[in-house]
Amino acid sequence: MDLNYHDILVKILDVYRDCEVQSFPIDCYSILRHYGYRIFTYQNIRDINERLYQYCRNYSEDAFRYGAKRIIAYDENKSPFRIRFSIMHELGHIMLGHSRECAYNEQQANFFASNILAPRMAIHFAQCRNEDDVSSVFQISREAGSYAFQNYRLWKESAAREVSDVDEAMYRHFYHDEREEFIYSIKPCMICGETIYNSSEDLCLHCRMEHIRRQHTPLYTSRNDRMLLQIEQQQLNNL
């Protein structure tokens, strides 16, 4: 299938819609399962069939797809961020209808993986300043983050001149009507469960303030210390 980069971005938006993706980093495994794929590690494959394991290993050191059986396998010894890119690369081959191995298809699958993991518009609204920010926010390797950030700068120049139809559609998909803004991150507070939007923090504002207050509150353990604290508080109240 001969696709240009615009067509690939449309395919990515289709995945976001199909899988109801509303936040980053994306859940790569749930996306694969949505499309009916079973996910195995290379060790899983080896435990089942040694010959198939050797075939996987010879095919790629990172990941392998077996379309007829709807299987995707990956090397569990790679870093988690690299695994995310590898299995989205394989999803790219699937979504783009690739039926043969060639350099052009590999390039397209790489573009798909990079953009589904870290869409350039989301990089923009996350206010990433460099590849390290991209790597942290979208959970991709620093190498992948570097490529995405450089490509983002080109995207930004192009978008400043003219916003494409796929960019408009991407914006509408991630726009939150109630908050009236583009949302790139939605997660619960680790303590109270309140929803946190567009923040690198794992605690909501209330829980962060409570955490800071406790850190700066002296710990009075002895009875005399507590009595002195009560006397001090009573004196302050009488002022």
Protein backbone atom coordinates (compact mmCIF):
# COMPACT_ATOMS: atom_id res chain seq x y z
CA MET A 1 0.00 0.00 0.00
CA ASP A 2 1.53 3.27 -1.13
CA LEU A 3 0.78 5.84 1.59
CA ASN A 4 2.15 9.31 2.17
CA TYR A 5 2.82 10.68 5.64
CA HIS A 6 -0.53 12.48 5.74
CA ASP A 7 -2.29 9.16 5.16
CA ILE A 8 -0.31 7.59 8.00
CA LEU A 9 -1.37 10.35 10.38
CA VAL A 10 -4.99 9.70 9.39
CA LYS A 11 -4.48 6.01 10.24
CA ILE A 12 -3.08 7.00 13.64
CA LEU A 13 -6.11 9.18 14.32
CA ASP A 14 -8.30 6.22 13.38
CA VAL A 15 -6.53 4.16 16.05
CA TYR A 16 -7.07 6.89 18.66
CA ARG A 17 -10.77 6.92 17.83
CA ASP A 18 -11.16 3.14 17.67
CA CYS A 19 -9.35 2.63 20.99
CA GLU A 20 -10.69 5.77 22.68
CA VAL A 21 -7.20 7.10 23.35
CA GLN A 22 -7.52 10.38 25.27
CA SER A 23 -4.23 10.60 27.15
CA PHE A 24 -0.50 9.97 26.92
CA PRO A 25 1.52 7.87 27.34
CA ILE A 26 -0.70 5.47 25.39
CA ASP A 27 -1.38 1.91 26.54
CA CYS A 28 0.29 0.00 23.70
CA TYR A 29 -0.85 -3.42 24.91
CA SER A 30 -4.53 -2.55 25.15
CA ILE A 31 -4.39 -1.13 21.62
CA LEU A 32 -2.95 -4.37 20.26
CA ARG A 33 -5.55 -6.40 22.14
CA HIS A 34 -8.30 -4.17 20.73
CA TYR A 35 -7.29 -5.29 17.25
CA GLY A 36 -7.34 -8.93 18.29
CA TYR A 37 -3.62 -9.53 18.74
CA ARG A 38 -2.14 -11.76 21.39
CA ILE A 39 1.09 -10.53 22.93
CA PHE A 40 4.00 -12.76 23.93
CA THR A 41 7.53 -12.24 25.07
CA TYR A 42 10.28 -14.06 23.22
CA GLN A 43 10.71 -16.20 26.31
CA ASN A 44 7.02 -17.15 26.16
CA ILE A 45 7.54 -18.23 22.55
CA ARG A 46 10.65 -20.20 23.47
CA ASP A 47 8.77 -22.08 26.17
CA ILE A 48 6.15 -23.06 23.60
CA ASN A 49 8.24 -23.72 20.49
CA GLU A 50 12.03 -23.50 20.23
CA ARG A 51 12.01 -23.39 16.43
CA LEU A 52 9.53 -20.53 16.37
CA TYR A 53 11.65 -18.70 18.93
CA GLN A 54 14.72 -19.01 16.72
CA TYR A 55 12.68 -17.75 13.78
CA CYS A 56 11.55 -14.72 15.81
CA ARG A 57 15.08 -14.01 16.91
CA ASN A 58 16.39 -14.24 13.36
CA TYR A 59 13.58 -12.00 12.12
CA SER A 60 14.31 -9.22 14.60
CA GLU A 61 16.06 -8.66 17.91
CA ASP A 62 13.22 -6.39 18.98
CA ALA A 63 9.79 -7.67 17.93
CA PHE A 64 8.00 -10.05 15.59
CA ARG A 65 4.49 -10.24 14.17
CA TYR A 66 2.67 -13.30 12.86
CA GLY A 67 -0.36 -11.89 11.10
CA ALA A 68 -2.06 -15.20 10.29
CA LYS A 69 -2.22 -16.10 13.99
CA ARG A 70 -2.56 -12.51 15.19
CA ILE A 71 0.53 -12.75 17.36
CA ILE A 72 3.05 -10.08 18.29
CA ALA A 73 6.12 -11.08 20.26
CA TYR A 74 8.89 -8.91 21.67
CA ASP A 75 12.23 -9.25 23.43
CA GLU A 76 11.49 -8.69 27.09
CA ASN A 77 15.16 -7.95 27.77
CA LYS A 78 15.00 -4.65 25.93
CA SER A 79 14.17 -1.46 27.81
CA PRO A 80 10.43 -0.80 28.38
CA PHE A 81 10.57 2.36 26.27
CA ARG A 82 12.20 0.52 23.38
CA ILE A 83 9.61 -2.25 23.64
CA ARG A 84 6.83 0.33 23.33
CA PHE A 85 8.32 1.63 20.10
CA SER A 86 8.96 -1.85 18.72
CA ILE A 87 5.43 -3.14 19.19
CA MET A 88 3.92 0.08 17.80
CA HIS A 89 6.26 -0.35 14.83
CA GLU A 90 4.69 -3.77 14.27
CA LEU A 91 1.22 -2.27 14.66
CA GLY A 92 2.23 0.23 11.99
CA HIS A 93 2.91 -2.59 9.53
CA ILE A 94 -0.53 -4.01 10.32
CA MET A 95 -2.50 -0.77 10.08
CA LEU A 96 -0.70 0.31 6.91
CA GLY A 97 -1.39 -3.00 5.19
CA HIS A 98 2.23 -3.95 4.59
CA SER A 99 2.59 -7.39 3.03
CA ARG A 100 6.33 -7.47 2.34
CA GLU A 101 9.55 -6.40 3.96
CA CYS A 102 11.36 -3.47 2.36
CA ALA A 103 13.17 -0.32 3.45
CA TYR A 104 10.25 1.90 2.43
CA ASN A 105 7.78 -0.04 4.57
CA GLU A 106 10.21 0.03 7.49
CA GLN A 107 10.44 3.80 7.17
CA GLN A 108 6.67 4.12 7.16
CA ALA A 109 6.31 1.84 10.20
CA ASN A 110 8.91 3.90 12.08
CA PHE A 111 7.02 7.09 11.24
CA PHE A 112 3.79 5.48 12.45
CA ALA A 113 5.35 4.33 15.73
CA SER A 114 6.96 7.69 16.43
CA ASN A 115 3.77 9.64 15.79
CA ILE A 116 1.31 7.35 17.54
CA LEU A 117 3.50 7.38 20.66
CA ALA A 118 4.28 11.11 20.58
CA PRO A 119 2.07 13.06 18.16
CA ARG A 120 3.65 16.40 17.34
CA MET A 121 0.61 18.37 18.45
CA ALA A 122 0.71 16.70 21.88
CA ILE A 123 4.44 17.50 22.15
CA HIS A 124 3.51 21.11 21.50
CA PHE A 125 0.77 21.35 24.12
CA ALA A 126 2.90 19.45 26.64
CA GLN A 127 5.43 22.28 26.17
CA CYS A 128 8.32 19.88 25.75
CA ARG A 129 11.58 21.83 25.55
CA ASN A 130 13.89 19.05 24.40
CA GLU A 131 14.18 15.34 23.68
CA ASP A 132 14.42 14.51 27.39
CA ASP A 133 11.02 16.10 28.01
CA VAL A 134 9.54 14.14 25.10
CA SER A 135 11.06 10.91 26.40
CA SER A 136 9.67 11.50 29.89
CA VAL A 137 6.15 12.60 28.94
CA PHE A 138 5.54 9.98 26.24
CA GLN A 139 7.67 7.13 27.62
CA ILE A 140 9.92 6.62 24.62
CA SER A 141 13.67 6.21 24.46
CA ARG A 142 15.91 9.28 24.35
CA GLU A 143 16.86 8.36 20.79
CA ALA A 144 13.21 8.18 19.75
CA GLY A 145 12.57 11.37 21.71
CA SER A 146 15.34 13.15 19.83
CA TYR A 147 13.86 12.21 16.45
CA ALA A 148 10.34 13.16 17.56
CA PHE A 149 11.47 16.51 18.91
CA GLN A 150 13.40 17.41 15.75
CA ASN A 151 10.40 16.40 13.65
CA TYR A 152 8.14 18.41 15.96
CA ARG A 153 10.13 21.55 15.19
CA LEU A 154 9.50 21.01 11.48
CA TRP A 155 5.82 20.36 12.20
CA LYS A 156 5.59 23.59 14.20
CA GLU A 157 7.01 25.63 11.33
CA SER A 158 4.56 24.04 8.91
CA ALA A 159 1.57 24.45 11.25
CA ALA A 160 2.41 28.14 11.72
CA ARG A 161 1.91 28.58 7.97
CA GLU A 162 -1.13 26.36 7.54
CA VAL A 163 -3.02 23.93 9.78
CA SER A 164 -3.75 20.67 7.97
CA ASP A 165 -7.06 18.86 8.07
CA VAL A 166 -5.55 16.01 10.08
CA ASP A 167 -4.18 18.50 12.63
CA GLU A 168 -7.63 20.03 12.98
CA ALA A 169 -9.12 16.58 13.51
CA MET A 170 -6.39 15.70 16.04
CA TYR A 171 -7.08 18.88 17.97
CA ARG A 172 -10.82 18.19 18.07
CA HIS A 173 -10.22 14.63 19.28
CA PHE A 174 -8.16 15.71 22.30
CA TYR A 175 -10.05 18.93 23.04
CA HIS A 176 -11.89 18.89 26.38
CA ASP A 177 -15.11 20.90 26.14
CA GLU A 178 -15.53 21.49 29.87
CA ARG A 179 -11.91 22.52 30.43
CA GLU A 180 -11.77 24.31 27.08
CA GLU A 181 -8.27 23.09 26.28
CA PHE A 182 -6.26 20.41 24.51
CA ILE A 183 -5.71 17.50 26.90
CA TYR A 184 -2.56 15.40 26.57
CA SER A 185 -2.54 13.82 30.02
CA ILE A 186 -5.28 12.45 32.26
CA LYS A 187 -4.45 10.48 35.39
CA PRO A 188 -5.76 9.97 38.95
CA CYS A 189 -4.07 11.45 42.00
CA MET A 190 -2.10 8.67 43.66
CA ILE A 191 -3.53 9.55 47.07
CA CYS A 192 -7.13 10.73 46.70
CA GLY A 193 -7.93 9.64 43.15
CA GLU A 194 -8.94 13.09 41.90
CA THR A 195 -8.42 13.51 38.15
CA ILE A 196 -5.27 15.41 37.20
CA TYR A 197 -5.09 17.07 33.79
CA ASN A 198 -1.99 18.10 31.84
CA SER A 199 0.50 17.80 34.68
CA SER A 200 3.70 15.90 35.34
CA GLU A 201 2.73 15.68 39.01
CA ASP A 202 1.34 12.44 40.42
CA LEU A 203 -0.55 14.23 43.21
CA CYS A 204 -3.37 16.75 42.91
CA LEU A 205 -2.80 20.28 44.24
CA HIS A 206 -4.59 19.59 47.54
CA CYS A 207 -2.54 16.45 48.25
CA ARG A 208 0.71 18.16 47.23
CA MET A 209 0.03 21.00 49.66
CA GLU A 210 -0.83 18.54 52.42
CA HIS A 211 2.37 16.61 51.68
CA ILE A 212 4.43 19.82 51.89
CA ARG A 213 2.71 20.82 55.14
CA ARG A 214 3.56 17.49 56.74
CA GLN A 215 7.16 17.70 55.61
CA HIS A 216 7.53 21.09 57.32
CA THR A 217 5.62 20.21 60.50
CA PRO A 218 8.02 19.39 63.37
CA LEU A 219 7.64 15.90 64.77
CA TYR A 220 7.06 16.14 68.53
CA THR A 221 7.41 12.71 69.99
CA SER A 222 7.97 13.24 73.73
CA ARG A 223 5.29 14.29 76.21
CA ASN A 224 7.27 17.39 77.22
CA ASP A 225 7.63 18.47 73.59
CA ARG A 226 3.90 18.18 73.04
CA MET A 227 3.14 20.15 76.20
CA LEU A 228 5.51 22.93 75.16
CA LEU A 229 3.85 23.04 71.74
CA GLN A 230 0.40 23.35 73.36
CA ILE A 231 1.59 26.17 75.65
CA GLU A 232 3.13 27.98 72.68
CA GLN A 233 -0.08 27.65 70.70
CA GLN A 234 -2.17 28.96 73.64
CA GLN A 235 0.12 31.99 73.97
CA LEU A 236 -0.20 32.72 70.26
CA ASN A 237 -3.98 32.47 70.50
CA ASN A 238 -4.03 35.00 73.40
CA LEU A 239 -2.08 37.63 71.45
